[in-house]
């Protein structure tokens, strides 16, 4: 029997931590990884994003649990925290094998040559991690004979390995985390009762991959432009096992296959499954399939995040978005007519001037009630845009990759840029569906949201200080 610790590090970036006050999802990747570990082993998941003192929590866990194998998944802005964790683990458990996986390790493993790290897993991690464990138990060969497992100092990591479909993954072990820690701010108005606006929420996948090639996104390179829908019956079985009433579909592009989602929607209806769903969808997917979204609204889809990205066709074309302003406009109208709350996501370009911020704000104010979100255009590591702009980066683009810190030069001084950026969030609050529709909410939850919003806006405004 082996003791396996699965770890999600925290981020040192204040704005990332403040944003989690509105959306904090379970470590689904680690739950899948735990599902790949054979029975008879002791497994623990430590999510450092939900504890008050991450360093102390890690020290205590490692000292008490004494793991033989540690699996860590991290995004780019968590890598420096991961390095800190490796040092602590090595001090407490010198013989532990420490393995790093996730998108960052997959895309730019060269940036993962970190002291105390024993191995890097690239691509889908469940299969290789299980084989690492089997190799440790047998002692017959090196773990580096396992496909997609590399020593951190490897001279050649080769091309990015493609991820398989989500159907190849084991069932996630959701029972290994404190489920009360994960929630989502819920802005869909429901006048018939005082529903929670900060409900507990579960994460799950109905598919993986995406066939589009947006220039700022890495997903199409990870999946080879393929879309993998899960078997409908498997999704239904998982939905029935989830205790939460609210479910967040964390797919790369949930509704890419209208046929698949129509079959799933009908099956949910037939099975009498009652959940409140939130998902992402492209605007052109919505305009092409309004009846599909009517079906899903009937079975519980209440909020849709839509990457509208820009209010200019030329920018959408530059992004290779394959959607236009007209698609965006029609999608907004369709969702309003159906009764689904739209959560539009816009990207602020680094070359924005004051008039650009004003124009975006006016566009948001002209929309139906919505909970708009704003990020700063930041090409993801490994994308064509990353390669195109890497000589222009004004900071450590890995450490500050959070789609809030600009990694490219701005036209406005940084302090002024972030003043206007934070004002977008403040102004958009007036269009929040709960506010516009005067929905009665729990007073204590409302106070929490007001306080969290204040802290988040302040973090946005002060982003310039991090440079």
Protein backbone atom coordinates (compact mmCIF):
# COMPACT_ATOMS: atom_id res chain seq x y z
CA UNK A 1 0.00 0.00 0.00
CA UNK A 2 1.18 3.49 -0.86
CA UNK A 3 0.15 6.85 0.50
CA UNK A 4 -0.64 9.33 -2.28
CA UNK A 5 -1.12 13.05 -1.77
CA UNK A 6 -2.77 15.05 -4.55
CA UNK A 7 -2.15 18.77 -4.28
CA UNK A 8 -3.60 21.97 -5.74
CA UNK A 9 -1.40 24.97 -4.87
CA UNK A 10 -2.70 28.46 -4.24
CA UNK A 11 -1.84 31.51 -6.36
CA UNK A 12 0.16 34.40 -4.97
CA UNK A 13 -1.81 36.88 -7.12
CA UNK A 14 -4.32 38.84 -5.05
CA UNK A 15 -6.78 39.37 -7.89
CA UNK A 16 -6.97 35.60 -8.51
CA UNK A 17 -7.81 34.98 -4.87
CA UNK A 18 -10.40 37.78 -4.85
CA UNK A 19 -12.10 36.36 -7.94
CA UNK A 20 -12.54 33.03 -6.16
CA UNK A 21 -14.93 34.82 -3.80
CA UNK A 22 -17.49 34.58 -6.63
CA UNK A 23 -16.57 31.30 -8.30
CA UNK A 24 -14.65 28.58 -6.50
CA UNK A 25 -14.77 25.19 -8.18
CA UNK A 26 -13.66 21.84 -6.85
CA UNK A 27 -10.29 20.38 -8.00
CA UNK A 28 -11.94 18.10 -10.58
CA UNK A 29 -8.63 17.20 -12.23
CA UNK A 30 -7.34 15.81 -8.93
CA UNK A 31 -10.61 13.97 -8.32
CA UNK A 32 -10.15 12.26 -11.70
CA UNK A 33 -6.54 11.50 -10.78
CA UNK A 34 -7.69 9.98 -7.49
CA UNK A 35 -10.12 7.83 -9.45
CA UNK A 36 -7.23 6.30 -11.38
CA UNK A 37 -5.49 5.02 -8.24
CA UNK A 38 -6.14 1.31 -7.49
CA UNK A 39 -7.98 0.32 -4.33
CA UNK A 40 -5.78 -0.59 -1.42
CA UNK A 41 -3.84 2.66 -1.51
CA UNK A 42 -4.47 5.62 0.76
CA UNK A 43 -5.31 8.81 -1.13
CA UNK A 44 -5.68 12.36 0.15
CA UNK A 45 -6.53 15.55 -1.78
CA UNK A 46 -5.20 18.80 -0.33
CA UNK A 47 -6.67 21.91 -1.93
CA UNK A 48 -4.59 24.84 -0.72
CA UNK A 49 -6.99 27.33 -2.31
CA UNK A 50 -9.58 26.71 0.43
CA UNK A 51 -7.40 26.97 3.55
CA UNK A 52 -6.48 30.13 5.44
CA UNK A 53 -2.80 29.31 5.82
CA UNK A 54 -1.65 27.19 2.86
CA UNK A 55 1.94 26.77 4.01
CA UNK A 56 0.99 25.62 7.49
CA UNK A 57 -1.69 23.30 6.10
CA UNK A 58 0.80 21.70 3.73
CA UNK A 59 3.45 21.28 6.41
CA UNK A 60 1.00 19.62 8.77
CA UNK A 61 -0.48 17.35 6.11
CA UNK A 62 2.89 16.16 4.83
CA UNK A 63 4.25 15.63 8.33
CA UNK A 64 1.20 13.63 9.44
CA UNK A 65 0.42 11.77 6.20
CA UNK A 66 4.01 11.07 5.05
CA UNK A 67 3.13 10.53 1.36
CA UNK A 68 5.13 8.14 -0.81
CA UNK A 69 3.91 9.86 -3.99
CA UNK A 70 2.76 13.45 -4.48
CA UNK A 71 0.85 14.56 -7.57
CA UNK A 72 0.57 18.28 -8.21
CA UNK A 73 -1.48 20.10 -10.85
CA UNK A 74 -0.90 23.79 -11.44
CA UNK A 75 -1.75 26.62 -13.80
CA UNK A 76 0.99 28.99 -14.92
CA UNK A 77 0.35 31.57 -12.19
CA UNK A 78 0.57 28.82 -9.55
CA UNK A 79 3.99 27.51 -10.56
CA UNK A 80 5.99 29.65 -8.14
CA UNK A 81 3.70 28.48 -5.32
CA UNK A 82 4.15 24.90 -6.51
CA UNK A 83 7.93 25.33 -6.27
CA UNK A 84 7.49 26.48 -2.68
CA UNK A 85 5.40 23.38 -1.99
CA UNK A 86 8.05 21.08 -3.48
CA UNK A 87 10.63 22.47 -1.06
CA UNK A 88 8.37 21.90 1.94
CA UNK A 89 7.50 18.35 0.85
CA UNK A 90 11.12 17.44 0.28
CA UNK A 91 12.13 18.74 3.71
CA UNK A 92 9.43 16.75 5.52
CA UNK A 93 9.53 13.63 3.30
CA UNK A 94 12.92 13.30 1.60
CA UNK A 95 11.97 10.02 -0.10
CA UNK A 96 8.65 11.13 -1.59
CA UNK A 97 8.37 11.17 -5.36
CA UNK A 98 6.98 14.52 -6.51
CA UNK A 99 5.22 14.66 -9.89
CA UNK A 100 3.89 17.76 -11.66
CA UNK A 101 1.14 17.69 -14.30
CA UNK A 102 -1.50 19.96 -15.77
CA UNK A 103 -1.71 22.36 -18.69
CA UNK A 104 1.39 24.36 -17.76
CA UNK A 105 3.59 21.28 -17.53
CA UNK A 106 2.09 19.98 -20.77
CA UNK A 107 2.54 23.13 -22.82
CA UNK A 108 5.84 24.54 -21.58
CA UNK A 109 7.66 21.81 -19.62
CA UNK A 110 10.91 23.70 -20.13
CA UNK A 111 9.62 26.19 -17.56
CA UNK A 112 9.19 23.39 -15.00
CA UNK A 113 12.82 22.66 -14.22
CA UNK A 114 12.20 23.24 -10.55
CA UNK A 115 14.34 22.07 -7.61
CA UNK A 116 12.98 19.02 -5.72
CA UNK A 117 10.66 18.01 -8.59
CA UNK A 118 11.17 14.39 -9.66
CA UNK A 119 9.02 14.04 -12.77
CA UNK A 120 6.79 15.90 -15.22
CA UNK A 121 3.69 14.32 -16.72
CA UNK A 122 2.52 15.84 -19.98
CA UNK A 123 -0.96 15.45 -21.42
CA UNK A 124 -3.73 13.48 -19.74
CA UNK A 125 -2.36 12.41 -16.39
CA UNK A 126 -4.56 9.60 -15.07
CA UNK A 127 -2.98 6.79 -17.08
CA UNK A 128 0.66 7.82 -16.55
CA UNK A 129 0.11 8.54 -12.84
CA UNK A 130 -1.32 5.08 -12.27
CA UNK A 131 1.65 3.56 -14.09
CA UNK A 132 4.07 5.60 -11.97
CA UNK A 133 2.46 4.08 -8.90
CA UNK A 134 2.65 0.57 -10.36
CA UNK A 135 6.32 1.09 -11.25
CA UNK A 136 7.08 2.29 -7.72
CA UNK A 137 5.47 -0.85 -6.28
CA UNK A 138 7.25 -3.26 -8.65
CA UNK A 139 10.60 -1.48 -8.81
CA UNK A 140 11.21 -3.18 -12.16
CA UNK A 141 11.91 -0.14 -14.32
CA UNK A 142 12.35 3.60 -14.37
CA UNK A 143 9.25 5.78 -14.30
CA UNK A 144 10.74 7.59 -17.30
CA UNK A 145 10.04 4.57 -19.48
CA UNK A 146 6.35 5.49 -19.16
CA UNK A 147 5.01 7.48 -22.15
CA UNK A 148 4.69 11.24 -21.47
CA UNK A 149 6.63 11.05 -18.20
CA UNK A 150 9.86 13.08 -18.26
CA UNK A 151 12.66 14.08 -15.90
CA UNK A 152 12.58 17.86 -15.33
CA UNK A 153 16.02 18.23 -16.91
CA UNK A 154 15.07 16.40 -20.12
CA UNK A 155 16.83 17.85 -23.16
CA UNK A 156 13.93 17.23 -25.52
CA UNK A 157 10.29 17.04 -24.44
CA UNK A 158 8.97 16.61 -27.97
CA UNK A 159 5.64 17.94 -29.28
CA UNK A 160 2.60 18.56 -27.10
CA UNK A 161 0.86 15.19 -26.53
CA UNK A 162 -2.81 15.26 -27.45
CA UNK A 163 -5.42 14.72 -24.76
CA UNK A 164 -7.88 11.85 -25.26
CA UNK A 165 -11.63 12.20 -24.84
CA UNK A 166 -13.08 12.53 -21.36
CA UNK A 167 -14.75 9.11 -21.75
CA UNK A 168 -11.33 7.57 -21.21
CA UNK A 169 -11.09 9.02 -17.70
CA UNK A 170 -12.07 7.21 -14.50
CA UNK A 171 -14.94 8.33 -12.29
CA UNK A 172 -13.91 11.32 -10.18
CA UNK A 173 -13.66 10.71 -6.43
CA UNK A 174 -15.66 13.68 -5.21
CA UNK A 175 -15.77 12.36 -1.65
CA UNK A 176 -12.12 13.31 -1.04
CA UNK A 177 -12.79 17.06 -0.75
CA UNK A 178 -14.85 19.21 1.58
CA UNK A 179 -17.71 19.99 -0.78
CA UNK A 180 -18.97 22.87 1.33
CA UNK A 181 -16.00 24.94 0.12
CA UNK A 182 -17.10 25.19 -3.52
CA UNK A 183 -19.72 27.64 -4.75
CA UNK A 184 -20.76 30.03 -7.52
CA UNK A 185 -22.34 33.49 -7.34
CA UNK A 186 -25.76 32.90 -8.92
CA UNK A 187 -27.29 35.89 -10.68
CA UNK A 188 -30.22 34.23 -12.42
CA UNK A 189 -33.42 35.88 -11.11
CA UNK A 190 -36.08 33.56 -9.72
CA UNK A 191 -38.92 35.49 -8.14
CA UNK A 192 -40.83 32.48 -6.86
CA UNK A 193 -38.54 32.00 -3.86
CA UNK A 194 -35.55 33.40 -2.04
CA UNK A 195 -32.94 31.15 -3.59
CA UNK A 196 -29.33 31.33 -2.46
CA UNK A 197 -27.16 33.67 -4.52
CA UNK A 198 -24.02 31.82 -3.36
CA UNK A 199 -25.06 28.17 -3.71
CA UNK A 200 -22.77 25.18 -3.38
CA UNK A 201 -21.95 23.85 -6.83
CA UNK A 202 -20.46 20.74 -8.40
CA UNK A 203 -18.26 20.65 -11.48
CA UNK A 204 -18.56 18.06 -14.22
CA UNK A 205 -17.79 17.46 -17.87
CA UNK A 206 -20.15 16.46 -20.67
CA UNK A 207 -17.36 16.66 -23.25
CA UNK A 208 -13.80 17.72 -23.86
CA UNK A 209 -11.98 19.53 -26.65
CA UNK A 210 -13.03 22.13 -29.20
CA UNK A 211 -12.98 22.25 -33.00
CA UNK A 212 -12.45 26.03 -33.20
CA UNK A 213 -9.05 27.71 -33.31
CA UNK A 214 -9.30 31.01 -31.45
CA UNK A 215 -5.85 32.58 -31.57
CA UNK A 216 -5.65 33.29 -27.84
CA UNK A 217 -6.73 29.78 -26.76
CA UNK A 218 -4.64 26.63 -26.30
CA UNK A 219 -7.46 24.05 -26.21
CA UNK A 220 -7.44 23.21 -29.92
CA UNK A 221 -3.73 22.41 -29.71
CA UNK A 222 -4.25 20.13 -26.72
CA UNK A 223 -7.02 18.15 -28.44
CA UNK A 224 -5.97 18.39 -32.08
CA UNK A 225 -9.11 20.42 -32.97
CA UNK A 226 -11.28 17.49 -31.91
CA UNK A 227 -14.42 17.51 -29.80
CA UNK A 228 -15.15 14.48 -27.65
CA UNK A 229 -18.71 14.17 -26.27
CA UNK A 230 -19.22 11.76 -23.40
CA UNK A 231 -21.66 8.87 -23.53
CA UNK A 232 -25.07 10.18 -22.52
CA UNK A 233 -25.77 7.32 -20.11
CA UNK A 234 -22.46 7.96 -18.30
CA UNK A 235 -23.33 11.63 -17.87
CA UNK A 236 -26.75 10.72 -16.49
CA UNK A 237 -25.21 8.27 -14.02
CA UNK A 238 -22.76 10.93 -12.81
CA UNK A 239 -25.45 13.59 -12.54
CA UNK A 240 -27.53 11.29 -10.34
CA UNK A 241 -24.54 10.76 -8.04
CA UNK A 242 -23.90 14.47 -7.48
CA UNK A 243 -25.42 15.70 -4.20
CA UNK A 244 -25.42 19.40 -5.10
CA UNK A 245 -28.47 21.01 -6.72
CA UNK A 246 -26.26 23.28 -8.83
CA UNK A 247 -23.93 21.97 -11.54
CA UNK A 248 -21.29 23.84 -13.55
CA UNK A 249 -20.39 22.22 -16.88
CA UNK A 250 -16.66 22.90 -17.16
CA UNK A 251 -16.38 21.71 -20.76
CA UNK A 252 -14.17 23.49 -23.25
CA UNK A 253 -17.27 24.01 -25.44
CA UNK A 254 -20.37 22.32 -24.06
CA UNK A 255 -22.84 22.79 -26.93
CA UNK A 256 -20.55 22.20 -29.89
CA UNK A 257 -22.55 19.10 -30.85
CA UNK A 258 -26.21 20.05 -30.90
CA UNK A 259 -27.14 16.42 -31.54
CA UNK A 260 -25.31 15.22 -28.45
CA UNK A 261 -26.67 17.96 -26.17
CA UNK A 262 -30.21 17.47 -27.48
CA UNK A 263 -30.00 13.75 -26.67
CA UNK A 264 -28.59 14.54 -23.23
CA UNK A 265 -31.28 17.16 -22.53
CA UNK A 266 -34.07 14.77 -23.46
CA UNK A 267 -32.56 12.05 -21.27
CA UNK A 268 -32.31 14.40 -18.29
CA UNK A 269 -35.97 15.28 -18.79
CA UNK A 270 -37.00 11.63 -19.07
CA UNK A 271 -35.07 10.70 -15.93
CA UNK A 272 -36.66 13.53 -13.96
CA UNK A 273 -33.28 14.95 -12.89
CA UNK A 274 -33.76 18.34 -11.25
CA UNK A 275 -30.65 20.51 -11.24
CA UNK A 276 -29.73 24.13 -11.87
CA UNK A 277 -27.14 24.28 -14.65
CA UNK A 278 -24.56 26.84 -15.75
CA UNK A 279 -22.46 26.40 -18.87
CA UNK A 280 -20.42 28.12 -21.55
CA UNK A 281 -21.59 28.48 -25.15
CA UNK A 282 -20.45 30.31 -28.27
CA UNK A 283 -22.72 33.01 -29.69
CA UNK A 284 -22.89 31.36 -33.12
CA UNK A 285 -23.84 28.05 -31.48
CA UNK A 286 -26.74 29.82 -29.80
CA UNK A 287 -27.91 31.50 -33.01
CA UNK A 288 -27.72 28.22 -34.91
CA UNK A 289 -29.69 26.24 -32.29
CA UNK A 290 -32.21 28.41 -30.40
CA UNK A 291 -34.53 25.41 -29.91
CA UNK A 292 -31.71 23.50 -28.20
CA UNK A 293 -31.36 26.23 -25.60
CA UNK A 294 -35.13 26.35 -25.10
CA UNK A 295 -34.98 22.63 -24.29
CA UNK A 296 -32.12 23.12 -21.87
CA UNK A 297 -33.79 26.04 -20.15
CA UNK A 298 -36.80 23.81 -19.52
CA UNK A 299 -34.60 21.25 -17.73
CA UNK A 300 -32.68 23.75 -15.61
CA UNK A 301 -30.11 25.72 -17.62
CA UNK A 302 -30.27 29.15 -16.01
CA UNK A 303 -26.97 30.87 -16.79
CA UNK A 304 -24.76 30.81 -19.87
CA UNK A 305 -21.29 32.30 -20.06
CA UNK A 306 -20.69 33.62 -23.57
CA UNK A 307 -17.30 34.83 -24.76
CA UNK A 308 -18.46 37.88 -26.70
CA UNK A 309 -14.83 39.09 -26.41
CA UNK A 310 -15.12 42.36 -28.34
CA UNK A 311 -17.52 45.00 -29.68
CA UNK A 312 -15.59 45.22 -32.95
CA UNK A 313 -15.78 42.77 -35.85
CA UNK A 314 -12.19 43.48 -36.79
CA UNK A 315 -10.99 42.28 -33.37
CA UNK A 316 -13.15 39.16 -33.52
CA UNK A 317 -11.64 38.43 -36.92
CA UNK A 318 -8.12 38.94 -35.55
CA UNK A 319 -8.94 36.41 -32.82
CA UNK A 320 -10.15 33.95 -35.49
CA UNK A 321 -13.30 33.73 -33.40
CA UNK A 322 -15.53 32.62 -36.30
CA UNK A 323 -18.34 34.64 -34.74
CA UNK A 324 -19.39 38.19 -35.54
CA UNK A 325 -21.02 41.12 -33.78
CA UNK A 326 -24.24 40.08 -35.46
CA UNK A 327 -23.94 36.60 -33.94
CA UNK A 328 -23.37 38.22 -30.56
CA UNK A 329 -26.37 40.52 -30.90
CA UNK A 330 -28.71 37.72 -31.97
CA UNK A 331 -27.44 35.39 -29.24
CA UNK A 332 -28.17 38.04 -26.60
CA UNK A 333 -31.71 38.46 -27.99
CA UNK A 334 -32.33 34.69 -28.10
CA UNK A 335 -31.21 34.12 -24.52
CA UNK A 336 -33.28 37.07 -23.27
CA UNK A 337 -36.37 35.73 -25.04
CA UNK A 338 -35.85 32.23 -23.63
CA UNK A 339 -35.19 33.52 -20.13
CA UNK A 340 -31.59 32.35 -19.71
CA UNK A 341 -29.30 34.81 -17.92
CA UNK A 342 -26.29 35.72 -20.01
CA UNK A 343 -22.90 36.17 -18.40
CA UNK A 344 -20.97 37.96 -21.18
CA UNK A 345 -17.18 37.91 -21.09
CA UNK A 346 -15.27 40.75 -22.74
CA UNK A 347 -11.56 41.17 -23.38
CA UNK A 348 -9.97 44.57 -22.86
CA UNK A 349 -7.12 45.10 -25.30
CA UNK A 350 -3.83 46.50 -24.01
CA UNK A 351 -4.00 49.32 -26.56
CA UNK A 352 -7.34 50.57 -25.17
CA UNK A 353 -7.62 54.31 -24.74
CA UNK A 354 -10.21 56.17 -22.67
CA UNK A 355 -12.72 56.23 -25.54
CA UNK A 356 -12.42 52.45 -25.95
CA UNK A 357 -13.29 51.88 -22.30
CA UNK A 358 -16.25 54.25 -22.66
CA UNK A 359 -17.50 52.48 -25.79
CA UNK A 360 -17.34 49.06 -24.10
CA UNK A 361 -19.15 50.39 -21.05
CA UNK A 362 -21.90 51.89 -23.22
CA UNK A 363 -22.32 48.55 -25.02
CA UNK A 364 -22.72 46.69 -21.72
CA UNK A 365 -25.21 49.29 -20.47
CA UNK A 366 -27.28 48.82 -23.63
CA UNK A 367 -27.56 45.04 -23.09
CA UNK A 368 -30.38 43.26 -21.29
CA UNK A 369 -29.64 42.57 -17.61
CA UNK A 370 -26.38 40.63 -17.43
CA UNK A 371 -23.47 39.91 -15.12
CA UNK A 372 -20.65 41.06 -17.34
CA UNK A 373 -17.06 40.03 -16.71
CA UNK A 374 -13.89 41.64 -18.05
CA UNK A 375 -10.40 40.29 -18.61
CA UNK A 376 -7.31 41.70 -20.28
CA UNK A 377 -6.23 40.15 -23.57
CA UNK A 378 -3.40 37.77 -22.69
CA UNK A 379 -2.25 35.14 -25.17
CA UNK A 380 -2.01 31.75 -23.47
CA UNK A 381 1.39 30.04 -23.26
CA UNK A 382 1.89 27.79 -26.28
CA UNK A 383 -0.53 29.61 -28.58
CA UNK A 384 0.39 31.29 -31.85
CA UNK A 385 -0.35 34.65 -30.23
CA UNK A 386 2.10 33.83 -27.44
CA UNK A 387 4.85 33.16 -29.98
CA UNK A 388 3.90 36.28 -31.93
CA UNK A 389 4.11 38.61 -28.93
CA UNK A 390 6.70 36.99 -26.64
CA UNK A 391 9.36 39.58 -27.48
CA UNK A 392 6.94 42.30 -26.38
CA UNK A 393 6.20 41.01 -22.89
CA UNK A 394 6.63 43.64 -20.18
CA UNK A 395 6.84 41.23 -17.25
CA UNK A 396 7.30 37.59 -16.33
CA UNK A 397 4.46 36.41 -18.55
CA UNK A 398 4.18 33.04 -16.81
CA UNK A 399 4.03 34.38 -13.28
CA UNK A 400 1.47 37.02 -14.27
CA UNK A 401 -0.63 34.94 -16.66
CA UNK A 402 -4.09 35.31 -15.14
CA UNK A 403 -5.94 37.26 -17.87
CA UNK A 404 -6.03 40.23 -15.50
CA UNK A 405 -2.42 41.40 -15.52
CA UNK A 406 -1.48 42.68 -18.95
CA UNK A 407 1.65 40.99 -20.19
CA UNK A 408 1.81 43.37 -23.17
CA UNK A 409 2.52 47.12 -23.18
CA UNK A 410 -0.47 49.44 -22.76
CA UNK A 411 -1.09 52.76 -24.48
CA UNK A 412 -2.35 54.33 -21.28
CA UNK A 413 -0.10 54.46 -18.21
CA UNK A 414 -0.71 51.27 -16.21
CA UNK A 415 -2.27 53.11 -13.27
CA UNK A 416 -4.77 54.86 -15.54
CA UNK A 417 -5.41 51.70 -17.55
CA UNK A 418 -6.42 49.76 -14.45
CA UNK A 419 -8.48 52.63 -13.09
CA UNK A 420 -10.67 52.45 -16.19
CA UNK A 421 -10.55 48.65 -16.17
CA UNK A 422 -11.91 48.44 -12.62
CA UNK A 423 -14.57 51.04 -13.43
CA UNK A 424 -15.98 48.67 -16.05
CA UNK A 425 -16.74 46.18 -13.28
CA UNK A 426 -18.28 48.86 -11.07
CA UNK A 427 -20.46 50.21 -13.88
CA UNK A 428 -21.60 46.73 -14.92
CA UNK A 429 -23.01 46.12 -11.43
CA UNK A 430 -25.96 48.37 -12.33
CA UNK A 431 -27.00 45.79 -14.96
CA UNK A 432 -26.85 42.76 -12.67
CA UNK A 433 -30.09 40.79 -13.21
CA UNK A 434 -30.81 40.52 -9.49
CA UNK A 435 -30.55 44.28 -9.12
CA UNK A 436 -32.44 45.22 -12.27
CA UNK A 437 -35.29 42.82 -11.50
CA UNK A 438 -35.38 43.74 -7.81
CA UNK A 439 -35.08 40.10 -6.73
CA UNK A 440 -35.40 39.47 -2.97
CA UNK A 441 -32.24 37.84 -1.65
CA UNK A 442 -30.82 36.70 1.67
CA UNK A 443 -29.54 39.89 3.39
CA UNK A 444 -26.46 38.17 4.83
CA UNK A 445 -25.50 36.76 1.42
CA UNK A 446 -26.04 40.18 -0.13
CA UNK A 447 -23.67 41.77 2.38
CA UNK A 448 -21.09 39.08 1.59
CA UNK A 449 -21.36 39.79 -2.14
CA UNK A 450 -21.08 43.55 -1.60
CA UNK A 451 -17.96 43.12 0.53
CA UNK A 452 -16.38 40.64 -1.87
CA UNK A 453 -17.12 42.92 -4.82
CA UNK A 454 -15.47 45.83 -3.04
CA UNK A 455 -12.33 43.78 -2.44
CA UNK A 456 -12.29 42.45 -6.00
CA UNK A 457 -12.64 45.91 -7.57
CA UNK A 458 -9.92 47.25 -5.31
CA UNK A 459 -7.65 44.39 -6.39
CA UNK A 460 -8.37 45.20 -10.05
CA UNK A 461 -7.64 48.88 -9.54
CA UNK A 462 -4.32 48.10 -7.81
CA UNK A 463 -3.05 45.63 -10.40
CA UNK A 464 -0.58 48.23 -11.68
CA UNK A 465 1.29 48.00 -8.36
CA UNK A 466 2.36 44.43 -9.10
CA UNK A 467 4.70 45.44 -11.91
